[in-house]
Amino acid sequence: MGKICTKCGQYKELDQYHKNKTRKLGYSVWCKACTSITRNIYYKKNKEVRRKYSNEYDKKNRKTRKKYKKSYTERLRDGYVIDILMKIYEIKKKDISKDMINIKRKMILAKRLIRLKKQQIKTTGGA
């Protein structure tokens, strides 16, 4: 099953459209390709406006953004840790256990803590 894109006029399968709950069929009226092109053109034309908006948003929500970034990096999602295990140790995904993920996560967090402490020592002059 598919539909016709109102932007390019081509018939495409539904997997070529973004989901949109507000639409009758549950899919956007433009295909993904047309949406992508239109967004890129908009961002290129309005680069300064977008940058200004982004900076203002970051200033207004500095505490929230900082808290989110910190919690996101501290969590170390399983997928991230699995990718590291697969790349560094060349382990197949099916062979990675939950214990391995947890151990590697702790190793990464320990390295981050050491790096943070070293930076603090440098900035405080060794105190």
PDB file of N, CA and C in Angstrom:
ATOM      1  N   MET A   1       0.841  -1.181   0.000  1.00  0.00           N
ATOM      2  CA  MET A   1       0.000   0.000   0.000  1.00  0.00           C
ATOM      3  C   MET A   1       0.887   1.245   0.000  1.00  0.00           C
ATOM      4  N   GLY A   2       0.447   2.240  -0.680  1.00  0.00           N
ATOM      5  CA  GLY A   2       1.207   3.470  -0.755  1.00  0.00           C
ATOM      6  C   GLY A   2       0.300   4.661  -0.993  1.00  0.00           C
ATOM      7  N   LYS A   3       0.907   5.788  -1.333  1.00  0.00           N
ATOM      8  CA  LYS A   3       0.151   7.005  -1.622  1.00  0.00           C
ATOM      9  C   LYS A   3       0.999   7.943  -2.464  1.00  0.00           C
ATOM     10  N   ILE A   4       0.391   9.014  -2.910  1.00  0.00           N
ATOM     11  CA  ILE A   4       1.070   9.986  -3.765  1.00  0.00           C
ATOM     12  C   ILE A   4       1.562  11.156  -2.911  1.00  0.00           C
ATOM     13  N   CYS A   5       2.826  11.498  -3.072  1.00  0.00           N
ATOM     14  CA  CYS A   5       3.421  12.633  -2.368  1.00  0.00           C
ATOM     15  C   CYS A   5       2.861  13.920  -2.966  1.00  0.00           C
ATOM     16  N   THR A   6       2.398  14.821  -2.096  1.00  0.00           N
ATOM     17  CA  THR A   6       1.831  16.081  -2.593  1.00  0.00           C
ATOM     18  C   THR A   6       2.905  17.063  -3.039  1.00  0.00           C
ATOM     19  N   LYS A   7       4.149  16.782  -2.738  1.00  0.00           N
ATOM     20  CA  LYS A   7       5.247  17.671  -3.124  1.00  0.00           C
ATOM     21  C   LYS A   7       5.796  17.299  -4.506  1.00  0.00           C
ATOM     22  N   CYS A   8       6.175  16.014  -4.680  1.00  0.00           N
ATOM     23  CA  CYS A   8       6.780  15.596  -5.956  1.00  0.00           C
ATOM     24  C   CYS A   8       5.793  14.916  -6.896  1.00  0.00           C
ATOM     25  N   GLY A   9       4.631  14.514  -6.366  1.00  0.00           N
ATOM     26  CA  GLY A   9       3.604  13.902  -7.195  1.00  0.00           C
ATOM     27  C   GLY A   9       3.838  12.443  -7.529  1.00  0.00           C
ATOM     28  N   GLN A  10       4.829  11.802  -6.916  1.00  0.00           N
ATOM     29  CA  GLN A  10       5.136  10.402  -7.206  1.00  0.00           C
ATOM     30  C   GLN A  10       4.427   9.474  -6.226  1.00  0.00           C
ATOM     31  N   TYR A  11       4.045   8.303  -6.739  1.00  0.00           N
ATOM     32  CA  TYR A  11       3.455   7.268  -5.888  1.00  0.00           C
ATOM     33  C   TYR A  11       4.588   6.530  -5.187  1.00  0.00           C
ATOM     34  N   LYS A  12       4.496   6.420  -3.865  1.00  0.00           N
ATOM     35  CA  LYS A  12       5.532   5.730  -3.094  1.00  0.00           C
ATOM     36  C   LYS A  12       4.882   4.895  -2.004  1.00  0.00           C
ATOM     37  N   GLU A  13       5.586   3.833  -1.604  1.00  0.00           N
ATOM     38  CA  GLU A  13       5.112   2.972  -0.516  1.00  0.00           C
ATOM     39  C   GLU A  13       5.092   3.766   0.790  1.00  0.00           C
ATOM     40  N   LEU A  14       4.259   3.314   1.748  1.00  0.00           N
ATOM     41  CA  LEU A  14       4.104   4.052   3.005  1.00  0.00           C
ATOM     42  C   LEU A  14       5.392   4.125   3.830  1.00  0.00           C
ATOM     43  N   ASP A  15       6.300   3.177   3.650  1.00  0.00           N
ATOM     44  CA  ASP A  15       7.554   3.249   4.411  1.00  0.00           C
ATOM     45  C   ASP A  15       8.447   4.392   3.938  1.00  0.00           C
ATOM     46  N   GLN A  16       8.063   5.055   2.855  1.00  0.00           N
ATOM     47  CA  GLN A  16       8.795   6.211   2.344  1.00  0.00           C
ATOM     48  C   GLN A  16       8.251   7.528   2.911  1.00  0.00           C
ATOM     49  N   TYR A  17       7.328   7.431   3.888  1.00  0.00           N
ATOM     50  CA  TYR A  17       6.714   8.600   4.523  1.00  0.00           C
ATOM     51  C   TYR A  17       6.950   8.546   6.025  1.00  0.00           C
ATOM     52  N   HIS A  18       7.122   9.721   6.637  1.00  0.00           N
ATOM     53  CA  HIS A  18       7.219   9.794   8.094  1.00  0.00           C
ATOM     54  C   HIS A  18       5.835   9.572   8.689  1.00  0.00           C
ATOM     55  N   LYS A  19       5.794   8.964   9.865  1.00  0.00           N
ATOM     56  CA  LYS A  19       4.514   8.769  10.540  1.00  0.00           C
ATOM     57  C   LYS A  19       4.033  10.099  11.093  1.00  0.00           C
ATOM     58  N   ASN A  20       2.718  10.297  11.043  1.00  0.00           N
ATOM     59  CA  ASN A  20       2.108  11.536  11.524  1.00  0.00           C
ATOM     60  C   ASN A  20       0.707  11.197  12.020  1.00  0.00           C
ATOM     61  N   LYS A  21       0.518  11.132  13.328  1.00  0.00           N
ATOM     62  CA  LYS A  21      -0.756  10.727  13.922  1.00  0.00           C
ATOM     63  C   LYS A  21      -1.909  11.664  13.595  1.00  0.00           C
ATOM     64  N   THR A  22      -1.587  12.907  13.246  1.00  0.00           N
ATOM     65  CA  THR A  22      -2.649  13.877  12.985  1.00  0.00           C
ATOM     66  C   THR A  22      -3.260  13.709  11.589  1.00  0.00           C
ATOM     67  N   ARG A  23      -2.627  12.949  10.723  1.00  0.00           N
ATOM     68  CA  ARG A  23      -3.117  12.741   9.359  1.00  0.00           C
ATOM     69  C   ARG A  23      -4.068  11.546   9.314  1.00  0.00           C
ATOM     70  N   LYS A  24      -4.962  11.528   8.351  1.00  0.00           N
ATOM     71  CA  LYS A  24      -5.982  10.492   8.225  1.00  0.00           C
ATOM     72  C   LYS A  24      -5.373   9.086   8.117  1.00  0.00           C
ATOM     73  N   LEU A  25      -4.385   8.918   7.249  1.00  0.00           N
ATOM     74  CA  LEU A  25      -3.728   7.621   7.075  1.00  0.00           C
ATOM     75  C   LEU A  25      -2.649   7.360   8.130  1.00  0.00           C
ATOM     76  N   GLY A  26      -2.274   8.392   8.868  1.00  0.00           N
ATOM     77  CA  GLY A  26      -1.236   8.248   9.878  1.00  0.00           C
ATOM     78  C   GLY A  26       0.157   8.497   9.343  1.00  0.00           C
ATOM     79  N   TYR A  27       0.234   9.059   8.119  1.00  0.00           N
ATOM     80  CA  TYR A  27       1.527   9.353   7.499  1.00  0.00           C
ATOM     81  C   TYR A  27       1.541  10.781   6.973  1.00  0.00           C
ATOM     82  N   SER A  28       2.724  11.353   6.884  1.00  0.00           N
ATOM     83  CA  SER A  28       2.905  12.708   6.388  1.00  0.00           C
ATOM     84  C   SER A  28       2.452  12.812   4.935  1.00  0.00           C
ATOM     85  N   VAL A  29       2.163  14.039   4.472  1.00  0.00           N
ATOM     86  CA  VAL A  29       1.726  14.231   3.089  1.00  0.00           C
ATOM     87  C   VAL A  29       2.902  14.279   2.118  1.00  0.00           C
ATOM     88  N   TRP A  30       4.092  14.615   2.620  1.00  0.00           N
ATOM     89  CA  TRP A  30       5.301  14.628   1.798  1.00  0.00           C
ATOM     90  C   TRP A  30       6.105  13.374   2.081  1.00  0.00           C
ATOM     91  N   CYS A  31       6.767  12.843   1.054  1.00  0.00           N
ATOM     92  CA  CYS A  31       7.643  11.683   1.248  1.00  0.00           C
ATOM     93  C   CYS A  31       8.892  12.121   2.019  1.00  0.00           C
ATOM     94  N   LYS A  32       9.643  11.156   2.515  1.00  0.00           N
ATOM     95  CA  LYS A  32      10.844  11.455   3.297  1.00  0.00           C
ATOM     96  C   LYS A  32      11.867  12.247   2.484  1.00  0.00           C
ATOM     97  N   ALA A  33      12.007  11.905   1.218  1.00  0.00           N
ATOM     98  CA  ALA A  33      12.979  12.592   0.366  1.00  0.00           C
ATOM     99  C   ALA A  33      12.616  14.071   0.211  1.00  0.00           C
ATOM    100  N   CYS A  34      11.355  14.349  -0.083  1.00  0.00           N
ATOM    101  CA  CYS A  34      10.919  15.745  -0.248  1.00  0.00           C
ATOM    102  C   CYS A  34      11.033  16.515   1.062  1.00  0.00           C
ATOM    103  N   THR A  35      10.689  15.872   2.163  1.00  0.00           N
ATOM    104  CA  THR A  35      10.801  16.508   3.476  1.00  0.00           C
ATOM    105  C   THR A  35      12.245  16.871   3.762  1.00  0.00           C
ATOM    106  N   SER A  36      13.154  15.949   3.485  1.00  0.00           N
ATOM    107  CA  SER A  36      14.576  16.176   3.729  1.00  0.00           C
ATOM    108  C   SER A  36      15.102  17.337   2.892  1.00  0.00           C
ATOM    109  N   ILE A  37      14.772  17.348   1.626  1.00  0.00           N
ATOM    110  CA  ILE A  37      15.214  18.426   0.738  1.00  0.00           C
ATOM    111  C   ILE A  37      14.684  19.772   1.208  1.00  0.00           C
ATOM    112  N   THR A  38      13.397  19.816   1.541  1.00  0.00           N
ATOM    113  CA  THR A  38      12.766  21.064   1.986  1.00  0.00           C
ATOM    114  C   THR A  38      13.399  21.564   3.278  1.00  0.00           C
ATOM    115  N   ARG A  39      13.643  20.659   4.230  1.00  0.00           N
ATOM    116  CA  ARG A  39      14.277  21.052   5.500  1.00  0.00           C
ATOM    117  C   ARG A  39      15.680  21.596   5.271  1.00  0.00           C
ATOM    118  N   ASN A  40      16.448  20.918   4.426  1.00  0.00           N
ATOM    119  CA  ASN A  40      17.816  21.377   4.151  1.00  0.00           C
ATOM    120  C   ASN A  40      17.823  22.763   3.534  1.00  0.00           C
ATOM    121  N   ILE A  41      16.927  23.007   2.598  1.00  0.00           N
ATOM    122  CA  ILE A  41      16.835  24.328   1.968  1.00  0.00           C
ATOM    123  C   ILE A  41      16.469  25.378   3.015  1.00  0.00           C
ATOM    124  N   TYR A  42      15.489  25.059   3.867  1.00  0.00           N
ATOM    125  CA  TYR A  42      15.061  26.002   4.905  1.00  0.00           C
ATOM    126  C   TYR A  42      16.230  26.339   5.843  1.00  0.00           C
ATOM    127  N   TYR A  43      16.937  25.313   6.322  1.00  0.00           N
ATOM    128  CA  TYR A  43      18.031  25.561   7.263  1.00  0.00           C
ATOM    129  C   TYR A  43      19.169  26.347   6.624  1.00  0.00           C
ATOM    130  N   LYS A  44      19.432  26.104   5.351  1.00  0.00           N
ATOM    131  CA  LYS A  44      20.475  26.867   4.667  1.00  0.00           C
ATOM    132  C   LYS A  44      20.076  28.325   4.507  1.00  0.00           C
ATOM    133  N   LYS A  45      18.814  28.580   4.190  1.00  0.00           N
ATOM    134  CA  LYS A  45      18.331  29.950   4.018  1.00  0.00           C
ATOM    135  C   LYS A  45      18.252  30.697   5.348  1.00  0.00           C
ATOM    136  N   ASN A  46      17.954  29.984   6.409  1.00  0.00           N
ATOM    137  CA  ASN A  46      17.713  30.604   7.715  1.00  0.00           C
ATOM    138  C   ASN A  46      18.762  30.218   8.751  1.00  0.00           C
ATOM    139  N   LYS A  47      19.993  30.062   8.301  1.00  0.00           N
ATOM    140  CA  LYS A  47      21.071  29.609   9.168  1.00  0.00           C
ATOM    141  C   LYS A  47      21.248  30.514  10.400  1.00  0.00           C
ATOM    142  N   GLU A  48      21.318  31.790  10.181  1.00  0.00           N
ATOM    143  CA  GLU A  48      21.535  32.735  11.283  1.00  0.00           C
ATOM    144  C   GLU A  48      20.349  32.770  12.247  1.00  0.00           C
ATOM    145  N   VAL A  49      19.141  32.737  11.708  1.00  0.00           N
ATOM    146  CA  VAL A  49      17.943  32.751  12.552  1.00  0.00           C
ATOM    147  C   VAL A  49      17.917  31.501  13.421  1.00  0.00           C
ATOM    148  N   ARG A  50      18.201  30.344  12.823  1.00  0.00           N
ATOM    149  CA  ARG A  50      18.214  29.083  13.558  1.00  0.00           C
ATOM    150  C   ARG A  50      19.311  29.085  14.633  1.00  0.00           C
ATOM    151  N   ARG A  51      20.483  29.605  14.286  1.00  0.00           N
ATOM    152  CA  ARG A  51      21.591  29.660  15.235  1.00  0.00           C
ATOM    153  C   ARG A  51      21.221  30.566  16.416  1.00  0.00           C
ATOM    154  N   LYS A  52      20.615  31.721  16.109  1.00  0.00           N
ATOM    155  CA  LYS A  52      20.212  32.663  17.155  1.00  0.00           C
ATOM    156  C   LYS A  52      19.177  32.011  18.079  1.00  0.00           C
ATOM    157  N   TYR A  53      18.188  31.356  17.483  1.00  0.00           N
ATOM    158  CA  TYR A  53      17.154  30.687  18.277  1.00  0.00           C
ATOM    159  C   TYR A  53      17.773  29.613  19.166  1.00  0.00           C
ATOM    160  N   SER A  54      18.679  28.816  18.594  1.00  0.00           N
ATOM    161  CA  SER A  54      19.320  27.745  19.335  1.00  0.00           C
ATOM    162  C   SER A  54      20.124  28.293  20.513  1.00  0.00           C
ATOM    163  N   ASN A  55      20.870  29.372  20.283  1.00  0.00           N
ATOM    164  CA  ASN A  55      21.658  29.986  21.358  1.00  0.00           C
ATOM    165  C   ASN A  55      20.764  30.542  22.456  1.00  0.00           C
ATOM    166  N   GLU A  56      19.660  31.201  22.068  1.00  0.00           N
ATOM    167  CA  GLU A  56      18.725  31.741  23.064  1.00  0.00           C
ATOM    168  C   GLU A  56      18.098  30.612  23.880  1.00  0.00           C
ATOM    169  N   TYR A  57      17.730  29.552  23.208  1.00  0.00           N
ATOM    170  CA  TYR A  57      17.134  28.407  23.901  1.00  0.00           C
ATOM    171  C   TYR A  57      18.127  27.816  24.905  1.00  0.00           C
ATOM    172  N   ASP A  58      19.376  27.648  24.470  1.00  0.00           N
ATOM    173  CA  ASP A  58      20.400  27.113  25.360  1.00  0.00           C
ATOM    174  C   ASP A  58      20.611  28.006  26.580  1.00  0.00           C
ATOM    175  N   LYS A  59      20.587  29.333  26.374  1.00  0.00           N
ATOM    176  CA  LYS A  59      20.764  30.259  27.502  1.00  0.00           C
ATOM    177  C   LYS A  59      19.600  30.161  28.480  1.00  0.00           C
ATOM    178  N   LYS A  60      18.377  30.118  27.951  1.00  0.00           N
ATOM    179  CA  LYS A  60      17.189  30.056  28.806  1.00  0.00           C
ATOM    180  C   LYS A  60      17.107  28.739  29.571  1.00  0.00           C
ATOM    181  N   ASN A  61      17.585  27.674  28.960  1.00  0.00           N
ATOM    182  CA  ASN A  61      17.442  26.344  29.539  1.00  0.00           C
ATOM    183  C   ASN A  61      18.788  25.722  29.895  1.00  0.00           C
ATOM    184  N   ARG A  62      19.727  26.557  30.293  1.00  0.00           N
ATOM    185  CA  ARG A  62      21.091  26.102  30.560  1.00  0.00           C
ATOM    186  C   ARG A  62      21.139  24.984  31.601  1.00  0.00           C
ATOM    187  N   LYS A  63      20.441  25.171  32.725  1.00  0.00           N
ATOM    188  CA  LYS A  63      20.479  24.168  33.793  1.00  0.00           C
ATOM    189  C   LYS A  63      19.873  22.848  33.332  1.00  0.00           C
ATOM    190  N   THR A  64      18.740  22.929  32.669  1.00  0.00           N
ATOM    191  CA  THR A  64      18.066  21.723  32.191  1.00  0.00           C
ATOM    192  C   THR A  64      18.929  20.988  31.172  1.00  0.00           C
ATOM    193  N   ARG A  65      19.506  21.736  30.239  1.00  0.00           N
ATOM    194  CA  ARG A  65      20.349  21.132  29.189  1.00  0.00           C
ATOM    195  C   ARG A  65      21.588  20.479  29.813  1.00  0.00           C
ATOM    196  N   LYS A  66      22.194  21.167  30.770  1.00  0.00           N
ATOM    197  CA  LYS A  66      23.393  20.642  31.414  1.00  0.00           C
ATOM    198  C   LYS A  66      23.062  19.353  32.170  1.00  0.00           C
ATOM    199  N   LYS A  67      21.938  19.373  32.872  1.00  0.00           N
ATOM    200  CA  LYS A  67      21.508  18.210  33.633  1.00  0.00           C
ATOM    201  C   LYS A  67      21.228  17.032  32.690  1.00  0.00           C
ATOM    202  N   TYR A  68      20.567  17.310  31.572  1.00  0.00           N
ATOM    203  CA  TYR A  68      20.259  16.259  30.613  1.00  0.00           C
ATOM    204  C   TYR A  68      21.538  15.671  30.020  1.00  0.00           C
ATOM    205  N   LYS A  69      22.452  16.537  29.584  1.00  0.00           N
ATOM    206  CA  LYS A  69      23.699  16.058  28.983  1.00  0.00           C
ATOM    207  C   LYS A  69      24.466  15.183  29.967  1.00  0.00           C
ATOM    208  N   LYS A  70      24.509  15.626  31.228  1.00  0.00           N
ATOM    209  CA  LYS A  70      25.243  14.882  32.242  1.00  0.00           C
ATOM    210  C   LYS A  70      24.598  13.515  32.473  1.00  0.00           C
ATOM    211  N   SER A  71      23.284  13.484  32.618  1.00  0.00           N
ATOM    212  CA  SER A  71      22.615  12.210  32.880  1.00  0.00           C
ATOM    213  C   SER A  71      22.730  11.285  31.675  1.00  0.00           C
ATOM    214  N   TYR A  72      22.697  11.846  30.471  1.00  0.00           N
ATOM    215  CA  TYR A  72      22.778  11.027  29.256  1.00  0.00           C
ATOM    216  C   TYR A  72      24.144  10.357  29.146  1.00  0.00           C
ATOM    217  N   THR A  73      25.183  11.128  29.400  1.00  0.00           N
ATOM    218  CA  THR A  73      26.525  10.546  29.278  1.00  0.00           C
ATOM    219  C   THR A  73      26.828   9.594  30.433  1.00  0.00           C
ATOM    220  N   GLU A  74      26.235   9.827  31.583  1.00  0.00           N
ATOM    221  CA  GLU A  74      26.493   8.954  32.721  1.00  0.00           C
ATOM    222  C   GLU A  74      25.790   7.604  32.568  1.00  0.00           C
ATOM    223  N   ARG A  75      24.675   7.609  31.890  1.00  0.00           N
ATOM    224  CA  ARG A  75      23.908   6.372  31.764  1.00  0.00           C
ATOM    225  C   ARG A  75      24.605   5.328  30.906  1.00  0.00           C
ATOM    226  N   LEU A  76      25.311   5.749  29.876  1.00  0.00           N
ATOM    227  CA  LEU A  76      25.986   4.832  28.967  1.00  0.00           C
ATOM    228  C   LEU A  76      25.056   3.687  28.542  1.00  0.00           C
ATOM    229  N   ARG A  77      24.225   3.968  27.619  1.00  0.00           N
ATOM    230  CA  ARG A  77      23.268   2.980  27.138  1.00  0.00           C
ATOM    231  C   ARG A  77      23.955   1.669  26.761  1.00  0.00           C
ATOM    232  N   ASP A  78      23.222   0.575  26.864  1.00  0.00           N
ATOM    233  CA  ASP A  78      23.763  -0.740  26.525  1.00  0.00           C
ATOM    234  C   ASP A  78      24.290  -0.775  25.101  1.00  0.00           C
ATOM    235  N   GLY A  79      23.561  -0.186  24.164  1.00  0.00           N
ATOM    236  CA  GLY A  79      23.965  -0.207  22.763  1.00  0.00           C
ATOM    237  C   GLY A  79      25.339   0.408  22.555  1.00  0.00           C
ATOM    238  N   TYR A  80      25.612   1.502  23.261  1.00  0.00           N
ATOM    239  CA  TYR A  80      26.910   2.171  23.163  1.00  0.00           C
ATOM    240  C   TYR A  80      28.020   1.262  23.681  1.00  0.00           C
ATOM    241  N   VAL A  81      27.783   0.642  24.826  1.00  0.00           N
ATOM    242  CA  VAL A  81      28.780  -0.235  25.435  1.00  0.00           C
ATOM    243  C   VAL A  81      28.991  -1.478  24.569  1.00  0.00           C
ATOM    244  N   ILE A  82      27.924  -2.022  24.023  1.00  0.00           N
ATOM    245  CA  ILE A  82      28.031  -3.185  23.136  1.00  0.00           C
ATOM    246  C   ILE A  82      28.872  -2.847  21.914  1.00  0.00           C
ATOM    247  N   ASP A  83      28.636  -1.673  21.324  1.00  0.00           N
ATOM    248  CA  ASP A  83      29.432  -1.245  20.169  1.00  0.00           C
ATOM    249  C   ASP A  83      30.916  -1.189  20.509  1.00  0.00           C
ATOM    250  N   ILE A  84      31.243  -0.662  21.672  1.00  0.00           N
ATOM    251  CA  ILE A  84      32.644  -0.581  22.097  1.00  0.00           C
ATOM    252  C   ILE A  84      33.238  -1.976  22.253  1.00  0.00           C
ATOM    253  N   LEU A  85      32.497  -2.874  22.898  1.00  0.00           N
ATOM    254  CA  LEU A  85      32.977  -4.242  23.079  1.00  0.00           C
ATOM    255  C   LEU A  85      33.215  -4.930  21.735  1.00  0.00           C
ATOM    256  N   MET A  86      32.318  -4.702  20.800  1.00  0.00           N
ATOM    257  CA  MET A  86      32.451  -5.326  19.485  1.00  0.00           C
ATOM    258  C   MET A  86      33.647  -4.765  18.720  1.00  0.00           C
ATOM    259  N   LYS A  87      33.872  -3.459  18.800  1.00  0.00           N
ATOM    260  CA  LYS A  87      34.963  -2.829  18.052  1.00  0.00           C
ATOM    261  C   LYS A  87      36.330  -3.108  18.669  1.00  0.00           C
ATOM    262  N   ILE A  88      36.454  -2.884  19.960  1.00  0.00           N
ATOM    263  CA  ILE A  88      37.749  -2.998  20.617  1.00  0.00           C
ATOM    264  C   ILE A  88      38.168  -4.464  20.790  1.00  0.00           C
ATOM    265  N   TYR A  89      37.248  -5.281  21.272  1.00  0.00           N
ATOM    266  CA  TYR A  89      37.601  -6.658  21.607  1.00  0.00           C
ATOM    267  C   TYR A  89      37.183  -7.655  20.528  1.00  0.00           C
ATOM    268  N   GLU A  90      36.568  -7.166  19.456  1.00  0.00           N
ATOM    269  CA  GLU A  90      36.131  -7.997  18.332  1.00  0.00           C
ATOM    270  C   GLU A  90      35.274  -9.169  18.795  1.00  0.00           C
ATOM    271  N   ILE A  91      34.325  -8.873  19.674  1.00  0.00           N
ATOM    272  CA  ILE A  91      33.404  -9.883  20.179  1.00  0.00           C
ATOM    273  C   ILE A  91      32.106  -9.774  19.376  1.00  0.00           C
ATOM    274  N   LYS A  92      31.536 -10.914  19.029  1.00  0.00           N
ATOM    275  CA  LYS A  92      30.262 -10.905  18.315  1.00  0.00           C
ATOM    276  C   LYS A  92      29.150 -10.529  19.284  1.00  0.00           C
ATOM    277  N   LYS A  93      28.148  -9.848  18.769  1.00  0.00           N
ATOM    278  CA  LYS A  93      27.068  -9.337  19.610  1.00  0.00           C
ATOM    279  C   LYS A  93      26.385 -10.457  20.391  1.00  0.00           C
ATOM    280  N   LYS A  94      26.204 -11.598  19.758  1.00  0.00           N
ATOM    281  CA  LYS A  94      25.512 -12.710  20.423  1.00  0.00           C
ATOM    282  C   LYS A  94      26.310 -13.277  21.597  1.00  0.00           C
ATOM    283  N   ASP A  95      27.628 -13.032  21.604  1.00  0.00           N
ATOM    284  CA  ASP A  95      28.489 -13.553  22.668  1.00  0.00           C
ATOM    285  C   ASP A  95      28.647 -12.591  23.847  1.00  0.00           C
ATOM    286  N   ILE A  96      28.056 -11.413  23.746  1.00  0.00           N
ATOM    287  CA  ILE A  96      28.200 -10.410  24.809  1.00  0.00           C
ATOM    288  C   ILE A  96      27.116 -10.619  25.857  1.00  0.00           C
ATOM    289  N   SER A  97      27.556 -10.815  27.099  1.00  0.00           N
ATOM    290  CA  SER A  97      26.607 -11.027  28.197  1.00  0.00           C
ATOM    291  C   SER A  97      26.332  -9.710  28.924  1.00  0.00           C
ATOM    292  N   LYS A  98      25.293  -9.730  29.743  1.00  0.00           N
ATOM    293  CA  LYS A  98      24.932  -8.553  30.539  1.00  0.00           C
ATOM    294  C   LYS A  98      26.071  -8.206  31.505  1.00  0.00           C
ATOM    295  N   ASP A  99      26.734  -9.223  32.042  1.00  0.00           N
ATOM    296  CA  ASP A  99      27.862  -8.992  32.951  1.00  0.00           C
ATOM    297  C   ASP A  99      28.996  -8.250  32.246  1.00  0.00           C
ATOM    298  N   MET A 100      29.281  -8.653  30.998  1.00  0.00           N
ATOM    299  CA  MET A 100      30.343  -7.987  30.232  1.00  0.00           C
ATOM    300  C   MET A 100      29.992  -6.521  30.015  1.00  0.00           C
ATOM    301  N   ILE A 101      28.729  -6.262  29.710  1.00  0.00           N
ATOM    302  CA  ILE A 101      28.277  -4.882  29.483  1.00  0.00           C
ATOM    303  C   ILE A 101      28.463  -4.056  30.751  1.00  0.00           C
ATOM    304  N   ASN A 102      28.054  -4.614  31.880  1.00  0.00           N
ATOM    305  CA  ASN A 102      28.162  -3.881  33.150  1.00  0.00           C
ATOM    306  C   ASN A 102      29.613  -3.631  33.548  1.00  0.00           C
ATOM    307  N   ILE A 103      30.483  -4.618  33.324  1.00  0.00           N
ATOM    308  CA  ILE A 103      31.902  -4.442  33.651  1.00  0.00           C
ATOM    309  C   ILE A 103      32.523  -3.360  32.781  1.00  0.00           C
ATOM    310  N   LYS A 104      32.256  -3.414  31.476  1.00  0.00           N
ATOM    311  CA  LYS A 104      32.817  -2.413  30.560  1.00  0.00           C
ATOM    312  C   LYS A 104      32.276  -1.028  30.900  1.00  0.00           C
ATOM    313  N   ARG A 105      30.998  -0.946  31.251  1.00  0.00           N
ATOM    314  CA  ARG A 105      30.402   0.337  31.633  1.00  0.00           C
ATOM    315  C   ARG A 105      31.151   0.924  32.835  1.00  0.00           C
ATOM    316  N   LYS A 106      31.447   0.091  33.826  1.00  0.00           N
ATOM    317  CA  LYS A 106      32.180   0.551  35.012  1.00  0.00           C
ATOM    318  C   LYS A 106      33.588   1.000  34.645  1.00  0.00           C
ATOM    319  N   MET A 107      34.227   0.289  33.713  1.00  0.00           N
ATOM    320  CA  MET A 107      35.571   0.679  33.271  1.00  0.00           C
ATOM    321  C   MET A 107      35.542   2.048  32.596  1.00  0.00           C
ATOM    322  N   ILE A 108      34.556   2.261  31.752  1.00  0.00           N
ATOM    323  CA  ILE A 108      34.437   3.549  31.049  1.00  0.00           C
ATOM    324  C   ILE A 108      34.203   4.671  32.047  1.00  0.00           C
ATOM    325  N   LEU A 109      33.297   4.426  33.002  1.00  0.00           N
ATOM    326  CA  LEU A 109      33.008   5.454  34.009  1.00  0.00           C
ATOM    327  C   LEU A 109      34.236   5.748  34.861  1.00  0.00           C
ATOM    328  N   ALA A 110      35.018   4.726  35.185  1.00  0.00           N
ATOM    329  CA  ALA A 110      36.239   4.924  35.971  1.00  0.00           C
ATOM    330  C   ALA A 110      37.237   5.777  35.193  1.00  0.00           C
ATOM    331  N   LYS A 111      37.405   5.492  33.904  1.00  0.00           N
ATOM    332  CA  LYS A 111      38.315   6.292  33.076  1.00  0.00           C
ATOM    333  C   LYS A 111      37.855   7.742  33.017  1.00  0.00           C
ATOM    334  N   ARG A 112      36.544   7.945  32.894  1.00  0.00           N
ATOM    335  CA  ARG A 112      36.015   9.311  32.855  1.00  0.00           C
ATOM    336  C   ARG A 112      36.277  10.038  34.166  1.00  0.00           C
ATOM    337  N   LEU A 113      36.115   9.334  35.273  1.00  0.00           N
ATOM    338  CA  LEU A 113      36.347   9.931  36.584  1.00  0.00           C
ATOM    339  C   LEU A 113      37.812  10.305  36.753  1.00  0.00           C
ATOM    340  N   ILE A 114      38.705   9.434  36.324  1.00  0.00           N
ATOM    341  CA  ILE A 114      40.148   9.721  36.399  1.00  0.00           C
ATOM    342  C   ILE A 114      40.483  10.948  35.560  1.00  0.00           C
ATOM    343  N   ARG A 115      39.951  11.006  34.344  1.00  0.00           N
ATOM    344  CA  ARG A 115      40.194  12.146  33.453  1.00  0.00           C
ATOM    345  C   ARG A 115      39.674  13.439  34.082  1.00  0.00           C
ATOM    346  N   LEU A 116      38.501  13.361  34.700  1.00  0.00           N
ATOM    347  CA  LEU A 116      37.910  14.531  35.352  1.00  0.00           C
ATOM    348  C   LEU A 116      38.775  15.001  36.518  1.00  0.00           C
ATOM    349  N   LYS A 117      39.264  14.064  37.320  1.00  0.00           N
ATOM    350  CA  LYS A 117      40.118  14.408  38.463  1.00  0.00           C
ATOM    351  C   LYS A 117      41.425  15.049  38.002  1.00  0.00           C
ATOM    352  N   LYS A 118      42.001  14.517  36.926  1.00  0.00           N
ATOM    353  CA  LYS A 118      43.231  15.093  36.373  1.00  0.00           C
ATOM    354  C   LYS A 118      43.003  16.530  35.917  1.00  0.00           C
ATOM    355  N   GLN A 119      41.868  16.774  35.275  1.00  0.00           N
ATOM    356  CA  GLN A 119      41.541  18.130  34.823  1.00  0.00           C
ATOM    357  C   GLN A 119      41.376  19.069  36.012  1.00  0.00           C
ATOM    358  N   GLN A 120      40.738  18.568  37.076  1.00  0.00           N
ATOM    359  CA  GLN A 120      40.556  19.400  38.267  1.00  0.00           C
ATOM    360  C   GLN A 120      41.895  19.730  38.907  1.00  0.00           C
ATOM    361  N   ILE A 121      42.801  18.771  38.919  1.00  0.00           N
ATOM    362  CA  ILE A 121      44.136  19.010  39.493  1.00  0.00           C
ATOM    363  C   ILE A 121      44.876  20.051  38.687  1.00  0.00           C
ATOM    364  N   LYS A 122      44.783  19.976  37.357  1.00  0.00           N
ATOM    365  CA  LYS A 122      45.459  20.949  36.497  1.00  0.00           C
ATOM    366  C   LYS A 122      44.909  22.355  36.721  1.00  0.00           C
ATOM    367  N   THR A 123      43.584  22.470  36.831  1.00  0.00           N
ATOM    368  CA  THR A 123      42.972  23.801  36.964  1.00  0.00           C
ATOM    369  C   THR A 123      43.181  24.398  38.356  1.00  0.00           C
ATOM    370  N   THR A 124      43.305  23.552  39.375  1.00  0.00           N
ATOM    371  CA  THR A 124      43.485  24.075  40.735  1.00  0.00           C
ATOM    372  C   THR A 124      44.946  24.151  41.127  1.00  0.00           C
ATOM    373  N   GLY A 125      45.823  23.716  40.244  1.00  0.00           N
ATOM    374  CA  GLY A 125      47.251  23.815  40.535  1.00  0.00           C
ATOM    375  C   GLY A 125      47.774  22.749  41.470  1.00  0.00           C
ATOM    376  N   GLY A 126      47.126  21.565  41.434  1.00  0.00           N
ATOM    377  CA  GLY A 126      47.626  20.446  42.243  1.00  0.00           C
ATOM    378  C   GLY A 126      47.051  20.359  43.634  1.00  0.00           C
ATOM    379  N   ALA A 127      46.137  21.255  43.974  1.00  0.00           N
ATOM    380  CA  ALA A 127      45.569  21.216  45.327  1.00  0.00           C
ATOM    381  C   ALA A 127      44.424  20.259  45.426  1.00  0.00           C
TER     382      ALA A 127
END
